[in-house]
Each structure stands twice: as C-alpha cells, then as structure tokens.
Protein backbone atom coordinates (compact mmCIF):
# COMPACT_ATOMS: atom_id res chain seq x y z
CA UNK A 1 24.27 -17.79 -23.89
CA UNK A 2 25.05 -21.15 -22.25
CA UNK A 3 26.22 -19.37 -19.11
CA UNK A 4 22.98 -17.33 -18.92
CA UNK A 5 20.90 -20.48 -19.38
CA UNK A 6 22.86 -22.24 -16.63
CA UNK A 7 22.28 -19.34 -14.24
CA UNK A 8 18.55 -19.45 -14.94
CA UNK A 9 18.46 -23.18 -14.32
CA UNK A 10 20.21 -22.68 -11.00
CA UNK A 11 18.18 -19.65 -9.88
CA UNK A 12 14.68 -20.55 -11.07
CA UNK A 13 14.06 -23.46 -8.64
CA UNK A 14 14.94 -21.13 -5.76
CA UNK A 15 12.36 -18.55 -6.79
CA UNK A 16 9.77 -21.21 -7.59
CA UNK A 17 9.95 -22.41 -4.02
CA UNK A 18 9.75 -18.93 -2.46
CA UNK A 19 5.97 -18.81 -2.49
CA UNK A 20 5.57 -22.37 -1.32
CA UNK A 21 7.35 -21.77 1.96
CA UNK A 22 4.85 -22.31 4.75
CA UNK A 23 3.31 -19.27 6.39
CA UNK A 24 2.71 -21.41 9.47
CA UNK A 25 6.39 -21.06 10.35
CA UNK A 26 7.59 -17.60 11.33
CA UNK A 27 10.65 -16.86 9.21
CA UNK A 28 10.98 -13.23 10.28
CA UNK A 29 13.62 -11.93 12.68
CA UNK A 30 13.32 -10.48 16.17
CA UNK A 31 13.04 -6.74 16.64
CA UNK A 32 16.52 -6.70 18.16
CA UNK A 33 17.94 -8.50 15.13
CA UNK A 34 16.37 -5.95 12.80
CA UNK A 35 17.77 -3.10 14.88
CA UNK A 36 21.23 -4.64 14.77
CA UNK A 37 20.99 -4.64 10.99
CA UNK A 38 20.12 -0.94 11.00
CA UNK A 39 16.31 -0.86 10.96
CA UNK A 40 14.87 1.98 13.02
CA UNK A 41 13.07 1.49 16.33
CA UNK A 42 9.40 0.53 15.72
CA UNK A 43 8.50 2.00 19.11
CA UNK A 44 9.01 5.52 17.75
CA UNK A 45 7.33 7.55 15.02
CA UNK A 46 9.31 7.36 11.79
CA UNK A 47 10.19 10.26 9.52
CA UNK A 48 11.07 9.91 5.84
CA UNK A 49 14.76 9.39 6.55
CA UNK A 50 13.91 6.55 8.93
CA UNK A 51 11.93 4.89 6.13
CA UNK A 52 14.72 5.34 3.60
CA UNK A 53 17.35 3.82 5.88
CA UNK A 54 15.13 0.95 7.03
CA UNK A 55 13.98 0.16 3.50
CA UNK A 56 17.61 -0.10 2.34
CA UNK A 57 18.35 -2.57 5.13
CA UNK A 58 15.23 -4.65 4.52
CA UNK A 59 15.82 -4.75 0.76
CA UNK A 60 19.29 -6.16 1.36
CA UNK A 61 17.87 -8.64 3.86
CA UNK A 62 15.21 -9.74 1.37
CA UNK A 63 17.89 -10.43 -1.24
CA UNK A 64 19.68 -12.72 1.21
CA UNK A 65 16.68 -14.16 3.09
CA UNK A 66 13.45 -13.74 1.05
CA UNK A 67 11.17 -14.86 3.91
CA UNK A 68 12.75 -12.76 6.66
CA UNK A 69 10.76 -9.55 6.21
CA UNK A 70 8.48 -8.45 9.08
CA UNK A 71 4.99 -9.92 8.82
CA UNK A 72 1.62 -8.83 10.20
CA UNK A 73 0.90 -12.02 12.15
CA UNK A 74 4.34 -12.58 13.65
CA UNK A 75 4.83 -12.31 17.39
CA UNK A 76 8.43 -11.38 16.69
CA UNK A 77 8.05 -8.78 13.96
CA UNK A 78 4.45 -7.55 13.66
CA UNK A 79 5.27 -4.39 15.64
CA UNK A 80 7.82 -3.46 12.99
CA UNK A 81 5.50 -4.22 10.10
CA UNK A 82 2.70 -2.11 11.57
CA UNK A 83 5.11 0.74 12.32
CA UNK A 84 5.93 0.89 8.61
CA UNK A 85 2.26 1.34 7.68
CA UNK A 86 1.21 3.41 10.69
CA UNK A 87 -0.68 6.62 9.96
CA UNK A 88 0.93 7.97 13.13
CA UNK A 89 4.03 8.57 11.01
CA UNK A 90 2.08 11.33 9.27
CA UNK A 91 1.08 13.07 12.49
CA UNK A 92 2.90 16.17 11.19
CA UNK A 93 -0.32 16.88 9.28
CA UNK A 94 -1.88 17.91 12.60
CA UNK A 95 0.93 20.36 13.35
CA UNK A 96 -0.62 23.81 12.93
CA UNK A 97 2.82 25.43 13.02
CA UNK A 98 3.74 23.81 9.69
CA UNK A 99 2.65 25.65 6.52
CA UNK A 100 0.48 23.68 4.11
CA UNK A 101 3.13 23.64 1.39
CA UNK A 102 5.61 22.03 3.82
CA UNK A 103 3.04 19.41 4.77
CA UNK A 104 2.47 18.70 1.08
CA UNK A 105 6.19 18.25 0.51
CA UNK A 106 6.49 15.76 3.36
CA UNK A 107 3.33 13.92 2.37
CA UNK A 108 4.62 13.44 -1.16
CA UNK A 109 7.49 11.53 0.39
CA UNK A 110 5.04 9.13 2.04
CA UNK A 111 3.58 8.28 -1.34
CA UNK A 112 7.08 7.14 -2.25
CA UNK A 113 7.17 5.16 1.01
CA UNK A 114 4.03 3.32 -0.08
CA UNK A 115 5.56 2.50 -3.47
CA UNK A 116 8.77 1.31 -1.83
CA UNK A 117 6.86 -0.93 0.60
CA UNK A 118 4.81 -2.47 -2.21
CA UNK A 119 8.03 -3.16 -4.13
CA UNK A 120 9.75 -4.55 -1.03
CA UNK A 121 6.99 -7.08 -0.35
CA UNK A 122 6.59 -8.14 -3.98
CA UNK A 123 8.66 -10.78 -5.75
CA UNK A 124 8.60 -9.61 -9.37
CA UNK A 125 9.73 -13.02 -10.60
CA UNK A 126 6.69 -14.79 -9.15
CA UNK A 127 3.00 -14.69 -10.00
CA UNK A 128 2.00 -16.00 -6.58
CA UNK A 129 3.30 -13.97 -3.66
CA UNK A 130 4.47 -15.16 -0.25
CA UNK A 131 3.57 -11.81 1.34
CA UNK A 132 -0.05 -11.52 0.16
CA UNK A 133 -1.41 -10.70 3.67
CA UNK A 134 1.13 -7.89 4.05
CA UNK A 135 0.45 -6.55 0.55
CA UNK A 136 -3.25 -6.19 1.41
CA UNK A 137 -2.32 -4.03 4.41
CA UNK A 138 0.14 -2.04 2.31
CA UNK A 139 -2.52 -1.33 -0.36
CA UNK A 140 -4.87 -0.10 2.34
CA UNK A 141 -2.06 2.10 3.66
CA UNK A 142 -1.61 3.46 0.13
CA UNK A 143 -5.28 4.38 -0.05
CA UNK A 144 -4.94 6.20 3.27
CA UNK A 145 -1.91 8.17 2.07
CA UNK A 146 -3.75 9.12 -1.13
CA UNK A 147 -6.76 10.22 0.91
CA UNK A 148 -4.59 12.47 3.03
CA UNK A 149 -3.21 14.00 -0.16
CA UNK A 150 -6.76 14.69 -1.36
CA UNK A 151 -7.71 16.25 1.98
CA UNK A 152 -4.59 18.41 2.08
CA UNK A 153 -5.13 19.43 -1.54
CA UNK A 154 -8.58 20.70 -0.66
CA UNK A 155 -7.09 22.75 2.19
CA UNK A 156 -4.50 24.20 -0.17
CA UNK A 157 -7.21 25.13 -2.68
CA UNK A 158 -8.92 27.22 0.00
CA UNK A 159 -5.71 28.91 1.20
CA UNK A 160 -4.81 32.53 0.47
CA UNK A 161 -1.10 32.01 1.14
CA UNK A 162 0.89 32.66 -2.09
CA UNK A 163 3.12 29.58 -1.61
CA UNK A 164 0.00 27.44 -1.22
CA UNK A 165 -1.71 28.97 -4.22
CA UNK A 166 1.23 28.02 -6.41
CA UNK A 167 0.59 24.38 -5.49
CA UNK A 168 -3.15 24.44 -6.17
CA UNK A 169 -2.67 23.64 -9.85
CA UNK A 170 -1.49 20.14 -8.89
CA UNK A 171 -4.80 19.14 -7.32
CA UNK A 172 -6.15 17.54 -10.51
CA UNK A 173 -3.05 15.37 -10.71
CA UNK A 174 -3.63 14.27 -7.13
CA UNK A 175 -7.21 13.32 -8.01
CA UNK A 176 -6.03 11.33 -11.04
CA UNK A 177 -3.43 9.57 -8.91
CA UNK A 178 -6.07 8.72 -6.34
CA UNK A 179 -8.35 7.16 -8.96
CA UNK A 180 -5.53 5.11 -10.44
CA UNK A 181 -4.64 3.76 -6.99
CA UNK A 182 -8.26 2.91 -6.27
CA UNK A 183 -8.63 1.08 -9.57
CA UNK A 184 -5.38 -0.82 -9.03
CA UNK A 185 -6.57 -2.16 -5.69
CA UNK A 186 -9.94 -3.10 -7.17
CA UNK A 187 -8.16 -4.96 -9.93
CA UNK A 188 -6.30 -7.04 -7.34
CA UNK A 189 -9.58 -8.16 -5.80
CA UNK A 190 -10.52 -10.02 -8.97
CA UNK A 191 -7.84 -12.61 -8.22
CA UNK A 192 -9.83 -14.25 -5.45
CA UNK A 193 -7.74 -17.41 -5.23
CA UNK A 194 -4.72 -15.41 -4.06
CA UNK A 195 -6.30 -14.09 -0.88
CA UNK A 196 -8.39 -15.29 2.00
CA UNK A 197 -11.98 -14.11 2.07
CA UNK A 198 -11.16 -12.11 5.20
CA UNK A 199 -8.41 -10.22 3.35
CA UNK A 200 -10.67 -9.53 0.39
CA UNK A 201 -13.40 -8.21 2.67
CA UNK A 202 -10.84 -6.04 4.48
CA UNK A 203 -10.01 -4.45 1.14
CA UNK A 204 -13.72 -4.07 0.42
CA UNK A 205 -14.27 -2.06 3.60
CA UNK A 206 -11.44 0.33 2.74
CA UNK A 207 -12.56 0.74 -0.87
CA UNK A 208 -16.17 1.33 0.15
CA UNK A 209 -15.12 4.09 2.55
CA UNK A 210 -12.87 5.62 -0.12
CA UNK A 211 -15.55 5.70 -2.81
CA UNK A 212 -18.28 7.08 -0.56
CA UNK A 213 -15.96 9.78 0.77
CA UNK A 214 -14.84 11.02 -2.64
CA UNK A 215 -17.62 10.27 -5.09
CA UNK A 216 -18.83 13.88 -5.02
CA UNK A 217 -15.83 14.94 -7.14
CA UNK A 218 -15.80 11.94 -9.51
CA UNK A 219 -16.72 12.91 -13.05
CA UNK A 220 -18.87 10.62 -15.22
CA UNK A 221 -15.87 8.94 -16.85
CA UNK A 222 -14.34 8.09 -13.48
CA UNK A 223 -17.65 6.83 -12.10
CA UNK A 224 -18.31 4.67 -15.14
CA UNK A 225 -14.85 3.13 -14.96
CA UNK A 226 -15.22 2.39 -11.27
CA UNK A 227 -18.58 0.75 -11.92
CA UNK A 228 -16.94 -1.60 -14.41
CA UNK A 229 -14.17 -2.44 -11.94
CA UNK A 230 -16.69 -3.04 -9.15
CA UNK A 231 -18.81 -5.27 -11.37
CA UNK A 232 -15.75 -7.29 -12.37
CA UNK A 233 -15.04 -7.99 -8.69
CA UNK A 234 -18.69 -8.92 -8.10
CA UNK A 235 -18.52 -11.40 -10.97
CA UNK A 236 -15.37 -13.01 -9.59
CA UNK A 237 -16.29 -13.44 -5.92
CA UNK A 238 -18.53 -15.73 -3.89
CA UNK A 239 -18.48 -13.41 -0.87
CA UNK A 240 -21.97 -12.15 -0.06
CA UNK A 241 -20.53 -9.16 1.75
CA UNK A 242 -18.42 -8.05 -1.20
CA UNK A 243 -21.28 -8.51 -3.65
CA UNK A 244 -23.70 -6.61 -1.41
CA UNK A 245 -21.30 -3.74 -0.63
CA UNK A 246 -20.21 -3.27 -4.25
CA UNK A 247 -23.73 -3.42 -5.67
CA UNK A 248 -24.56 -0.65 -3.21
CA UNK A 249 -21.57 1.40 -4.45
CA UNK A 250 -22.63 0.92 -8.08
CA UNK A 251 -26.11 2.23 -7.20
CA UNK A 252 -24.57 5.25 -5.47
CA UNK A 253 -22.27 6.04 -8.36
C-alpha cells in the first residue's frame, strides 16, 4: 500500500503538468523522425495496416513523450496529423470493382481507426486535455466515417447481391451507432471553456450538416433526444452562430 501511494505521489505531478505545457511551443517531431520510428509516409494514402502500425508507434511515443504527437497547427507534423484523418484514405469506396460487402468490411476497420485516434489523443488521467484542437478534428473525422457507413448501408439495402443482402440486417445498428456518435460530440460542446469559439463553431458546422442530411430517418425518440442535446449546448454557449444554427436545427427536427 505504501509503495502504491509513493508511486502515485511521484507520477501525479507529471500528469498534472501535461495539460499545462504551452501550445505555443511545438513539441512534435519532424516527419523524418516519425518515419524513423516506424510511422508510415504521410505523403501516401494509408490502408488499415498502415494505421495499425503507425498507431502502435505513436502510442509508444506518447508514453515516453506525451507532447510529441503530431498536431494540426505544427509546421513540422501537421501533414502527418491530417493524413491520419484524411477521407482520402477511404477512397476505396469509389472503386466500382470492389463488391459492397468488401467495402463494408474495410469501412468497419476505419471506425476502429477513429476510436484508436480518439484514445491516442486523450489522456484518461486528466480532465483537461492538451490535444483539444486535435480531438475536435478527430470527432469531425468520426462523424464523416459514420456518415460513409450510413451511405454504404443504404446502397447495401438496395442491392440484389446475396452477400450484400446478408449484411442488410445490420443497417439499424449502423443508424444507432451514428446517433450515439452525434450525441457524444454534442455533449462535448457543452464544455465551452475547454475549446476556442472557433473550434466549437467548427463542430457546429459538421453537426448541422450531419443532422440535416440524416433527419429524414430519425424517429421521434431520436429527434427528441437530439433536441435536448442541442438545447443544452445553446444554454451553455455565448456564440451567436451556435445559438442561431442550433435553434434552426431544433425547428427542423
């Protein structure tokens, strides 16, 4: 027990300082340094294996140097960060030679990529996060992946191919997953002190597009829950844009 307490005393100050490290100083590495560690080339489209290998490397790096992950505003590492959340990595969805069930299998892997990225850029021991700007971009990426799953699910529902038809039963689960993701991002917007107004409004634009694009299949329960989430954000923000855009969504729902 004494040993555990001593370890906590030694470790806690380190984690308490992790979110206080200045964002004005770029603590990330160069692209060459990341490549030497084993991260894949950000100049090329990544497949799922590239993500798995790179995530393993970056997770180990984070354990040793918590501030050394690629960041969106870094001259050194932004290209790597944006490669990880690039929709270009899912360009296989435009490949007409791939059957829909194969596209679905690959796309499912990118939902795991989103989860892994969110975990990578989150310090579970801290309430305040050093990587808030990156997390906003990752959440938007997650909404995009979920949208592609919805779109592909609709294609599968209309397919006459037996292998596709066997997957059609999973469409309701995809819809439920989409709604959960949407609500999770909305919930984050209530913590206005954690983000800049620009970041909050960036989330608002993505959420507004998502709701308007999918509201035709929302049932009453889903719409009512989203209205409550939207109103909670309205009550917590001073942004005129967010208030205006979300009041409009509530009227539409």
